[in-house]
Amino acid sequence: MQETLSSAESTELVRLWQRRQTLSPGDMGTMYRIVGDALVACNPPELQVLGEGRQELVAQFIYVKVLRLDADPDEADERAGHSAPSTAFALCAYFRRYLIDCTRASAFRRKLSIGEQVSEAQLEDALGAGEDLEGCLAEHGLSAGAVQLAARAFIAELPEPERILLCEGFGKEAEGGLSGIASRHAIASYHYRAGRLGLVHKREGLTADYAKTRLGGWIQQTLGIAIEPGNMAAILQVFKILGAEASYA
């Protein structure tokens, strides 16, 4: 059974859902709390099939599907106010559809959170063996050295909780994943922080709404690389450099 939403939570959920493309950070936090609480007891069988941490999948669902800016064409009806979910049952059904999509895609797309370590072999597979990685950056007027300096500045400017999540959850394997990091450092609301930072989005196939995260904004505004499919080679190279800098921060 799902957790039951109170009348006030149901009303607030509908209100926020109707304007979810223009929510303030505070409203996003409220939306995250309501949806997360409603899904506490939602355990569809696809959770076991995917074999990933439940909390990470819930976080991905909220940031990729609930708070997204660019809805898929088959979700067009959900952009309308009358289709906003108002019950925990509806949210659980929506969550299950998301998990079903993930299982269907698993045969050809690995679903990794950005916070997980990426090996050289994975990077070469994603970028293409023998590809001129420096050239990917040069197309955007960047060099590896320039990205390194920008990455160091980005890391240094982060609030301490976000810096810890990035450095321990992005730059190297962390025991227990993001939840383990949060537990060891007593980081409150770590899923919300990680989502806003950009650690719970899939590394492959980033959508335009990723630019709303702190990492996405840095890539697009500071480095000048638009978040779009044609730039994935350069973005993955930036992730590689950022990961190396985070490991030594």
Protein backbone atom coordinates (compact mmCIF):
# COMPACT_ATOMS: atom_id res chain seq x y z
CA MET A 1 0.00 0.00 0.00
CA GLN A 2 1.05 3.59 -0.59
CA GLU A 3 1.36 6.30 2.01
CA THR A 4 -1.79 8.47 2.07
CA LEU A 5 -1.57 12.15 1.20
CA SER A 6 -3.39 14.57 3.46
CA SER A 7 -5.92 16.92 1.91
CA ALA A 8 -3.46 19.82 2.26
CA GLU A 9 -0.63 17.80 0.65
CA SER A 10 -2.89 16.73 -2.19
CA THR A 11 -3.91 20.33 -2.89
CA GLU A 12 -0.31 21.54 -2.70
CA LEU A 13 0.88 18.73 -5.00
CA VAL A 14 -1.64 19.69 -7.68
CA ARG A 15 -0.78 23.38 -7.35
CA LEU A 16 2.94 22.75 -7.71
CA TRP A 17 2.48 20.20 -10.50
CA GLN A 18 0.53 22.68 -12.59
CA ARG A 19 3.48 25.10 -12.55
CA ARG A 20 6.36 22.68 -12.19
CA GLN A 21 8.30 24.23 -15.07
CA THR A 22 8.72 27.48 -13.12
CA LEU A 23 9.13 26.33 -9.52
CA SER A 24 11.41 28.17 -7.12
CA PRO A 25 14.07 26.13 -5.25
CA GLY A 26 11.83 26.20 -2.17
CA ASP A 27 8.85 24.90 -4.12
CA MET A 28 11.04 22.18 -5.64
CA GLY A 29 11.99 21.12 -2.14
CA THR A 30 8.33 20.96 -1.13
CA MET A 31 7.45 18.93 -4.24
CA TYR A 32 10.35 16.58 -3.55
CA ARG A 33 9.21 16.03 0.05
CA ILE A 34 5.58 15.37 -0.86
CA VAL A 35 6.38 12.94 -3.68
CA GLY A 36 9.15 11.23 -1.73
CA ASP A 37 6.91 10.72 1.31
CA ALA A 38 4.08 9.40 -0.88
CA LEU A 39 6.39 6.78 -2.41
CA VAL A 40 7.81 5.49 0.88
CA ALA A 41 5.67 2.35 0.79
CA CYS A 42 5.51 2.06 -3.01
CA ASN A 43 7.46 -1.07 -3.97
CA PRO A 44 6.62 -2.24 -7.50
CA PRO A 45 8.35 -5.44 -8.67
CA GLU A 46 10.47 -3.52 -11.19
CA LEU A 47 12.58 -2.22 -8.27
CA GLN A 48 14.04 -5.69 -7.79
CA VAL A 49 14.45 -6.24 -11.53
CA LEU A 50 16.58 -3.12 -11.94
CA GLY A 51 18.83 -4.06 -9.03
CA GLU A 52 19.63 -0.45 -8.11
CA GLY A 53 19.22 1.33 -4.80
CA ARG A 54 15.59 2.26 -4.18
CA GLN A 55 16.39 5.74 -2.89
CA GLU A 56 18.52 6.51 -5.94
CA LEU A 57 15.73 5.41 -8.29
CA VAL A 58 13.16 7.51 -6.44
CA ALA A 59 15.50 10.51 -6.63
CA GLN A 60 16.09 9.96 -10.36
CA PHE A 61 12.33 9.69 -10.91
CA ILE A 62 11.60 12.93 -9.08
CA TYR A 63 14.28 14.98 -10.81
CA VAL A 64 14.00 13.44 -14.27
CA LYS A 65 10.22 13.02 -14.47
CA VAL A 66 8.47 15.06 -11.77
CA LEU A 67 10.58 18.23 -11.88
CA ARG A 68 11.62 18.05 -15.54
CA LEU A 69 11.14 20.97 -17.90
CA ASP A 70 10.91 19.09 -21.20
CA ALA A 71 8.25 16.39 -20.95
CA ASP A 72 8.23 13.54 -23.46
CA PRO A 73 5.58 13.71 -26.17
CA ASP A 74 3.59 10.86 -24.57
CA GLU A 75 3.44 12.88 -21.35
CA ALA A 76 1.87 15.92 -23.00
CA ASP A 77 -1.45 15.28 -21.28
CA GLU A 78 0.29 15.39 -17.90
CA ARG A 79 1.38 18.96 -18.53
CA ALA A 80 -2.26 19.95 -18.35
CA GLY A 81 -3.59 20.92 -14.96
CA HIS A 82 -6.46 18.36 -14.98
CA SER A 83 -3.93 15.51 -15.22
CA ALA A 84 -1.90 16.46 -12.17
CA PRO A 85 -1.74 13.51 -9.72
CA SER A 86 -3.42 14.16 -6.40
CA THR A 87 -3.05 10.81 -4.63
CA ALA A 88 -0.23 8.53 -3.54
CA PHE A 89 -1.77 5.80 -5.68
CA ALA A 90 -1.44 7.96 -8.81
CA LEU A 91 2.16 8.85 -7.96
CA CYS A 92 3.02 5.19 -7.42
CA ALA A 93 1.50 4.30 -10.80
CA TYR A 94 3.55 7.06 -12.44
CA PHE A 95 6.68 5.84 -10.66
CA ARG A 96 6.04 2.29 -11.86
CA ARG A 97 5.68 3.47 -15.46
CA TYR A 98 9.06 5.16 -15.10
CA LEU A 99 10.62 1.94 -13.78
CA ILE A 100 9.08 -0.05 -16.63
CA ASP A 101 10.67 2.37 -19.10
CA CYS A 102 13.99 1.85 -17.32
CA THR A 103 13.76 -1.93 -17.56
CA ARG A 104 12.90 -1.74 -21.24
CA ALA A 105 15.92 0.49 -21.85
CA SER A 106 18.35 -1.57 -19.77
CA ALA A 107 19.25 -3.83 -22.69
CA PHE A 108 20.91 -0.97 -24.57
CA ARG A 109 21.49 1.79 -22.04
CA ARG A 110 23.29 1.53 -18.73
CA LYS A 111 21.55 3.67 -16.12
CA LEU A 112 24.33 5.13 -14.02
CA SER A 113 23.96 8.06 -11.70
CA ILE A 114 26.56 10.72 -12.30
CA GLY A 115 27.78 10.12 -8.78
CA GLU A 116 29.15 6.70 -9.69
CA GLN A 117 32.72 6.10 -10.78
CA VAL A 118 33.26 5.78 -14.51
CA SER A 119 36.16 3.65 -15.67
CA GLU A 120 38.43 4.47 -18.57
CA ALA A 121 36.88 1.57 -20.48
CA GLN A 122 33.38 3.00 -19.97
CA LEU A 123 34.52 6.43 -21.12
CA GLU A 124 36.18 5.02 -24.21
CA ASP A 125 33.06 3.01 -24.96
CA ALA A 126 30.85 6.10 -24.59
CA LEU A 127 33.16 8.47 -26.44
CA GLY A 128 34.51 6.08 -29.05
CA ALA A 129 37.94 4.50 -28.89
CA GLY A 130 40.63 6.60 -30.50
CA GLU A 131 38.49 9.74 -30.66
CA ASP A 132 40.34 13.02 -30.27
CA LEU A 133 39.11 13.95 -26.81
CA GLU A 134 40.99 17.25 -26.76
CA GLY A 135 39.35 18.01 -30.08
CA CYS A 136 35.90 17.58 -28.52
CA LEU A 137 36.71 20.38 -26.13
CA ALA A 138 38.45 22.49 -28.76
CA GLU A 139 35.19 22.64 -30.71
CA HIS A 140 33.89 24.72 -27.81
CA GLY A 141 37.01 26.87 -27.47
CA LEU A 142 38.26 24.86 -24.50
CA SER A 143 41.33 22.85 -23.57
CA ALA A 144 41.77 20.15 -20.92
CA GLY A 145 43.84 22.59 -18.85
CA ALA A 146 41.16 25.26 -18.99
CA VAL A 147 38.49 22.77 -17.91
CA GLN A 148 40.73 21.62 -15.05
CA LEU A 149 41.06 25.16 -13.72
CA ALA A 150 37.34 25.77 -14.10
CA ALA A 151 36.59 22.48 -12.31
CA ARG A 152 38.80 23.45 -9.36
CA ALA A 153 37.03 26.80 -9.06
CA PHE A 154 33.61 25.14 -9.32
CA ILE A 155 34.45 22.65 -6.55
CA ALA A 156 35.90 25.36 -4.30
CA GLU A 157 32.77 27.51 -4.59
CA LEU A 158 30.34 24.75 -3.58
CA PRO A 159 28.76 24.82 -0.11
CA GLU A 160 30.41 22.21 2.10
CA PRO A 161 27.62 19.58 1.96
CA GLU A 162 27.47 19.69 -1.85
CA ARG A 163 31.28 19.69 -2.09
CA ILE A 164 31.43 16.54 0.05
CA LEU A 165 28.75 14.81 -2.04
CA LEU A 166 30.57 15.71 -5.25
CA CYS A 167 34.08 14.82 -4.11
CA GLU A 168 33.16 11.55 -2.45
CA GLY A 169 30.33 10.54 -4.74
CA PHE A 170 31.68 11.63 -8.11
CA GLY A 171 35.45 11.45 -8.00
CA LYS A 172 35.72 7.95 -6.54
CA GLU A 173 33.72 4.94 -5.45
CA ALA A 174 32.01 5.58 -2.14
CA GLU A 175 30.87 2.87 0.23
CA GLY A 176 27.09 2.92 0.41
CA GLY A 177 26.73 5.42 -2.44
CA LEU A 178 25.28 8.86 -1.78
CA SER A 179 23.31 7.64 1.23
CA GLY A 180 26.52 6.31 2.79
CA ILE A 181 28.27 9.65 2.26
CA ALA A 182 25.34 11.52 3.79
CA SER A 183 25.28 9.20 6.79
CA ARG A 184 29.01 9.54 7.48
CA HIS A 185 28.93 13.34 7.27
CA ALA A 186 25.42 13.92 8.71
CA ILE A 187 24.23 15.68 5.54
CA ALA A 188 20.53 16.51 5.81
CA SER A 189 18.23 16.34 2.77
CA TYR A 190 21.05 14.77 0.77
CA HIS A 191 18.79 13.58 -2.07
CA TYR A 192 17.50 17.10 -2.61
CA ARG A 193 21.03 18.50 -2.47
CA ALA A 194 22.36 15.82 -4.85
CA GLY A 195 19.49 16.38 -7.25
CA ARG A 196 19.95 20.13 -7.37
CA LEU A 197 23.68 19.63 -7.79
CA GLY A 198 23.12 17.20 -10.67
CA LEU A 199 24.30 13.91 -9.20
CA VAL A 200 21.18 11.82 -9.66
CA HIS A 201 20.61 12.35 -13.35
CA LYS A 202 21.70 9.71 -15.82
CA ARG A 203 25.12 10.31 -17.27
CA GLU A 204 23.92 9.29 -20.73
CA GLY A 205 21.14 11.03 -22.60
CA LEU A 206 20.95 14.17 -20.47
CA THR A 207 17.89 16.26 -21.28
CA ALA A 208 17.73 20.04 -21.47
CA ASP A 209 16.42 20.33 -17.91
CA TYR A 210 19.84 19.24 -16.66
CA ALA A 211 20.94 22.83 -17.24
CA LYS A 212 18.80 23.74 -14.21
CA THR A 213 21.13 21.78 -11.94
CA ARG A 214 24.29 23.33 -10.56
CA LEU A 215 26.56 21.08 -12.61
CA GLY A 216 24.50 21.57 -15.75
CA GLY A 217 24.51 25.33 -15.32
CA TRP A 218 28.28 25.31 -14.88
CA ILE A 219 28.76 23.26 -18.05
CA GLN A 220 26.43 25.43 -20.08
CA GLN A 221 27.10 28.90 -18.70
CA THR A 222 30.74 28.78 -17.56
CA LEU A 223 32.16 26.32 -20.09
CA GLY A 224 29.78 27.30 -22.89
CA ILE A 225 28.74 23.74 -23.78
CA ALA A 226 25.01 23.46 -24.46
CA ILE A 227 23.25 20.49 -22.86
CA GLU A 228 22.19 18.68 -26.01
CA PRO A 229 22.85 15.25 -27.59
CA GLY A 230 25.36 16.55 -30.11
CA ASN A 231 27.66 17.73 -27.33
CA MET A 232 27.70 14.53 -25.26
CA ALA A 233 31.29 13.68 -26.21
CA ALA A 234 32.53 17.01 -24.83
CA ILE A 235 30.27 16.78 -21.76
CA LEU A 236 31.54 13.31 -20.91
CA GLN A 237 35.10 14.56 -21.25
CA VAL A 238 34.25 17.39 -18.83
CA PHE A 239 32.85 14.80 -16.40
CA LYS A 240 36.08 12.84 -16.67
CA ILE A 241 38.18 15.90 -15.83
CA LEU A 242 35.83 17.00 -13.05
CA GLY A 243 35.94 13.51 -11.56
CA ALA A 244 39.73 13.55 -11.50
CA GLU A 245 39.78 16.98 -9.82
CA ALA A 246 37.15 15.90 -7.29
CA SER A 247 39.28 12.92 -6.34
CA TYR A 248 42.09 15.23 -5.25
CA ALA A 249 40.00 18.04 -3.76
